[in-house]
């Protein structure tokens, strides 16, 4: 389970970090010209999604810190993972799915993971 959490965290965190850097440098996200379904949440709040590069970088780093502390079996990995997963639920659809999977795994198997 710990390995699955680490893999999912690296995928999510790595992609968010790279995508955040990409949008800051190129003015667009990786992939199609229009961002994914998550963008509609921000459009409703009148937020320019192409200015969210720093947010993506912060979330990416947060996931990678979480992965690191899970790897090192630090006691604060559990609350950090819960918080990180909840904070990333808006990242529809893949980020939401990964966040839900990690959240369920953390809640269901904390002792098996060793954190």
C-alpha atoms as a PDB file:
ATOM      1  CA  UNK A   1       0.000   0.000   0.000  1.00  0.00           C
ATOM      2  CA  UNK A   2       2.799   2.372   0.868  1.00  0.00           C
ATOM      3  CA  UNK A   3       4.354   1.864  -2.562  1.00  0.00           C
ATOM      4  CA  UNK A   4       1.022   2.582  -4.280  1.00  0.00           C
ATOM      5  CA  UNK A   5       0.601   5.785  -2.266  1.00  0.00           C
ATOM      6  CA  UNK A   6       4.138   6.858  -3.163  1.00  0.00           C
ATOM      7  CA  UNK A   7       3.604   6.141  -6.865  1.00  0.00           C
ATOM      8  CA  UNK A   8       0.272   8.000  -6.951  1.00  0.00           C
ATOM      9  CA  UNK A   9       1.792  10.919  -5.033  1.00  0.00           C
ATOM     10  CA  UNK A  10       4.775  11.174  -7.375  1.00  0.00           C
ATOM     11  CA  UNK A  11       2.485  11.061 -10.425  1.00  0.00           C
ATOM     12  CA  UNK A  12       0.162  13.756  -9.076  1.00  0.00           C
ATOM     13  CA  UNK A  13       2.835  15.939  -7.523  1.00  0.00           C
ATOM     14  CA  UNK A  14       5.233  15.620 -10.419  1.00  0.00           C
ATOM     15  CA  UNK A  15       2.587  16.439 -13.000  1.00  0.00           C
ATOM     16  CA  UNK A  16       1.219  19.402 -11.047  1.00  0.00           C
ATOM     17  CA  UNK A  17       4.737  20.778 -10.543  1.00  0.00           C
ATOM     18  CA  UNK A  18       5.673  20.393 -14.211  1.00  0.00           C
ATOM     19  CA  UNK A  19       2.302  21.731 -15.386  1.00  0.00           C
ATOM     20  CA  UNK A  20       2.623  24.752 -13.089  1.00  0.00           C
ATOM     21  CA  UNK A  21       6.085  25.555 -14.420  1.00  0.00           C
ATOM     22  CA  UNK A  22       4.881  24.998 -17.994  1.00  0.00           C
ATOM     23  CA  UNK A  23       1.908  27.364 -17.679  1.00  0.00           C
ATOM     24  CA  UNK A  24       4.122  30.039 -16.136  1.00  0.00           C
ATOM     25  CA  UNK A  25       6.684  29.777 -18.939  1.00  0.00           C
ATOM     26  CA  UNK A  26       4.428  29.086 -21.943  1.00  0.00           C
ATOM     27  CA  UNK A  27       1.079  30.569 -20.890  1.00  0.00           C
ATOM     28  CA  UNK A  28      -0.722  27.257 -21.427  1.00  0.00           C
ATOM     29  CA  UNK A  29      -1.033  23.935 -19.677  1.00  0.00           C
ATOM     30  CA  UNK A  30       0.418  20.700 -21.006  1.00  0.00           C
ATOM     31  CA  UNK A  31      -2.036  19.057 -23.372  1.00  0.00           C
ATOM     32  CA  UNK A  32      -4.944  20.594 -25.246  1.00  0.00           C
ATOM     33  CA  UNK A  33      -5.295  24.380 -25.488  1.00  0.00           C
ATOM     34  CA  UNK A  34      -8.168  24.409 -22.989  1.00  0.00           C
ATOM     35  CA  UNK A  35      -7.512  23.122 -19.461  1.00  0.00           C
ATOM     36  CA  UNK A  36      -9.438  20.156 -18.067  1.00  0.00           C
ATOM     37  CA  UNK A  37     -12.784  20.077 -16.267  1.00  0.00           C
ATOM     38  CA  UNK A  38     -11.238  21.538 -13.103  1.00  0.00           C
ATOM     39  CA  UNK A  39     -10.979  24.916 -14.850  1.00  0.00           C
ATOM     40  CA  UNK A  40     -14.756  25.377 -14.876  1.00  0.00           C
ATOM     41  CA  UNK A  41     -14.673  25.625 -11.069  1.00  0.00           C
ATOM     42  CA  UNK A  42     -12.298  28.579 -11.342  1.00  0.00           C
ATOM     43  CA  UNK A  43     -14.112  30.190 -14.274  1.00  0.00           C
ATOM     44  CA  UNK A  44     -17.247  30.332 -12.111  1.00  0.00           C
ATOM     45  CA  UNK A  45     -15.235  32.324  -9.558  1.00  0.00           C
ATOM     46  CA  UNK A  46     -13.932  34.627 -12.316  1.00  0.00           C
ATOM     47  CA  UNK A  47     -10.346  33.365 -11.879  1.00  0.00           C
ATOM     48  CA  UNK A  48      -7.970  33.320 -14.852  1.00  0.00           C
ATOM     49  CA  UNK A  49      -6.807  29.697 -14.790  1.00  0.00           C
ATOM     50  CA  UNK A  50      -3.705  30.566 -16.785  1.00  0.00           C
ATOM     51  CA  UNK A  51      -2.429  32.552 -13.799  1.00  0.00           C
ATOM     52  CA  UNK A  52      -2.547  29.536 -11.452  1.00  0.00           C
ATOM     53  CA  UNK A  53       0.996  28.318 -12.157  1.00  0.00           C
ATOM     54  CA  UNK A  54       2.215  29.140  -8.625  1.00  0.00           C
ATOM     55  CA  UNK A  55      -0.747  27.239  -7.156  1.00  0.00           C
ATOM     56  CA  UNK A  56       0.083  24.172  -9.234  1.00  0.00           C
ATOM     57  CA  UNK A  57       3.731  24.409  -8.221  1.00  0.00           C
ATOM     58  CA  UNK A  58       2.753  24.657  -4.546  1.00  0.00           C
ATOM     59  CA  UNK A  59       0.422  21.664  -4.798  1.00  0.00           C
ATOM     60  CA  UNK A  60       3.041  19.673  -6.691  1.00  0.00           C
ATOM     61  CA  UNK A  61       5.631  20.391  -4.021  1.00  0.00           C
ATOM     62  CA  UNK A  62       3.126  19.566  -1.286  1.00  0.00           C
ATOM     63  CA  UNK A  63       2.500  16.137  -2.839  1.00  0.00           C
ATOM     64  CA  UNK A  64       6.234  15.518  -3.199  1.00  0.00           C
ATOM     65  CA  UNK A  65       6.865  16.491   0.428  1.00  0.00           C
ATOM     66  CA  UNK A  66       4.073  14.105   1.433  1.00  0.00           C
ATOM     67  CA  UNK A  67       5.680  11.308  -0.604  1.00  0.00           C
ATOM     68  CA  UNK A  68       9.034  12.018   1.052  1.00  0.00           C
ATOM     69  CA  UNK A  69       7.669  11.848   4.587  1.00  0.00           C
ATOM     70  CA  UNK A  70       5.742   8.651   3.782  1.00  0.00           C
ATOM     71  CA  UNK A  71       9.000   7.163   2.502  1.00  0.00           C
ATOM     72  CA  UNK A  72      10.787   8.224   5.697  1.00  0.00           C
ATOM     73  CA  UNK A  73       7.840   6.997   7.819  1.00  0.00           C
ATOM     74  CA  UNK A  74       7.453  10.264   9.705  1.00  0.00           C
ATOM     75  CA  UNK A  75       4.500  10.484  12.073  1.00  0.00           C
ATOM     76  CA  UNK A  76       3.198  13.647  10.444  1.00  0.00           C
ATOM     77  CA  UNK A  77       2.864  11.933   7.045  1.00  0.00           C
ATOM     78  CA  UNK A  78      -0.657  10.800   7.921  1.00  0.00           C
ATOM     79  CA  UNK A  79      -2.197  14.235   8.655  1.00  0.00           C
ATOM     80  CA  UNK A  80      -0.236  15.759   5.771  1.00  0.00           C
ATOM     81  CA  UNK A  81      -1.586  13.094   3.415  1.00  0.00           C
ATOM     82  CA  UNK A  82      -5.156  13.617   4.589  1.00  0.00           C
ATOM     83  CA  UNK A  83      -4.832  17.384   4.129  1.00  0.00           C
ATOM     84  CA  UNK A  84      -3.078  17.107   0.752  1.00  0.00           C
ATOM     85  CA  UNK A  85      -5.686  14.680  -0.569  1.00  0.00           C
ATOM     86  CA  UNK A  86      -8.583  16.851   0.563  1.00  0.00           C
ATOM     87  CA  UNK A  87      -6.984  20.006  -0.836  1.00  0.00           C
ATOM     88  CA  UNK A  88      -6.544  18.365  -4.244  1.00  0.00           C
ATOM     89  CA  UNK A  89     -10.104  17.101  -4.679  1.00  0.00           C
ATOM     90  CA  UNK A  90     -10.862  20.063  -7.000  1.00  0.00           C
ATOM     91  CA  UNK A  91      -8.375  18.804  -9.614  1.00  0.00           C
ATOM     92  CA  UNK A  92     -10.958  17.003 -11.792  1.00  0.00           C
ATOM     93  CA  UNK A  93     -10.944  14.288 -12.996  1.00  0.00           C
ATOM     94  CA  UNK A  94      -7.609  12.486 -12.491  1.00  0.00           C
ATOM     95  CA  UNK A  95      -6.422  14.507  -9.498  1.00  0.00           C
ATOM     96  CA  UNK A  96      -9.758  13.927  -7.786  1.00  0.00           C
ATOM     97  CA  UNK A  97      -9.582  10.193  -8.420  1.00  0.00           C
ATOM     98  CA  UNK A  98      -6.018   9.909  -7.136  1.00  0.00           C
ATOM     99  CA  UNK A  99      -6.851  12.063  -4.109  1.00  0.00           C
ATOM    100  CA  UNK A 100      -9.826   9.859  -3.236  1.00  0.00           C
ATOM    101  CA  UNK A 101      -7.759   6.678  -3.633  1.00  0.00           C
ATOM    102  CA  UNK A 102      -4.949   8.029  -1.442  1.00  0.00           C
ATOM    103  CA  UNK A 103      -7.436   9.322   1.121  1.00  0.00           C
ATOM    104  CA  UNK A 104      -9.194   5.945   1.331  1.00  0.00           C
ATOM    105  CA  UNK A 105      -5.899   4.096   1.575  1.00  0.00           C
ATOM    106  CA  UNK A 106      -4.699   6.387   4.364  1.00  0.00           C
ATOM    107  CA  UNK A 107      -7.924   6.074   6.316  1.00  0.00           C
ATOM    108  CA  UNK A 108      -8.246   2.315   5.829  1.00  0.00           C
ATOM    109  CA  UNK A 109      -4.675   1.149   6.242  1.00  0.00           C
ATOM    110  CA  UNK A 110      -2.726   3.627   8.338  1.00  0.00           C
ATOM    111  CA  UNK A 111      -1.058   0.926  10.460  1.00  0.00           C
ATOM    112  CA  UNK A 112      -0.172  -1.190   7.399  1.00  0.00           C
ATOM    113  CA  UNK A 113       1.530   1.793   5.793  1.00  0.00           C
ATOM    114  CA  UNK A 114       3.611   2.435   8.879  1.00  0.00           C
ATOM    115  CA  UNK A 115       2.750   6.088   9.444  1.00  0.00           C
END
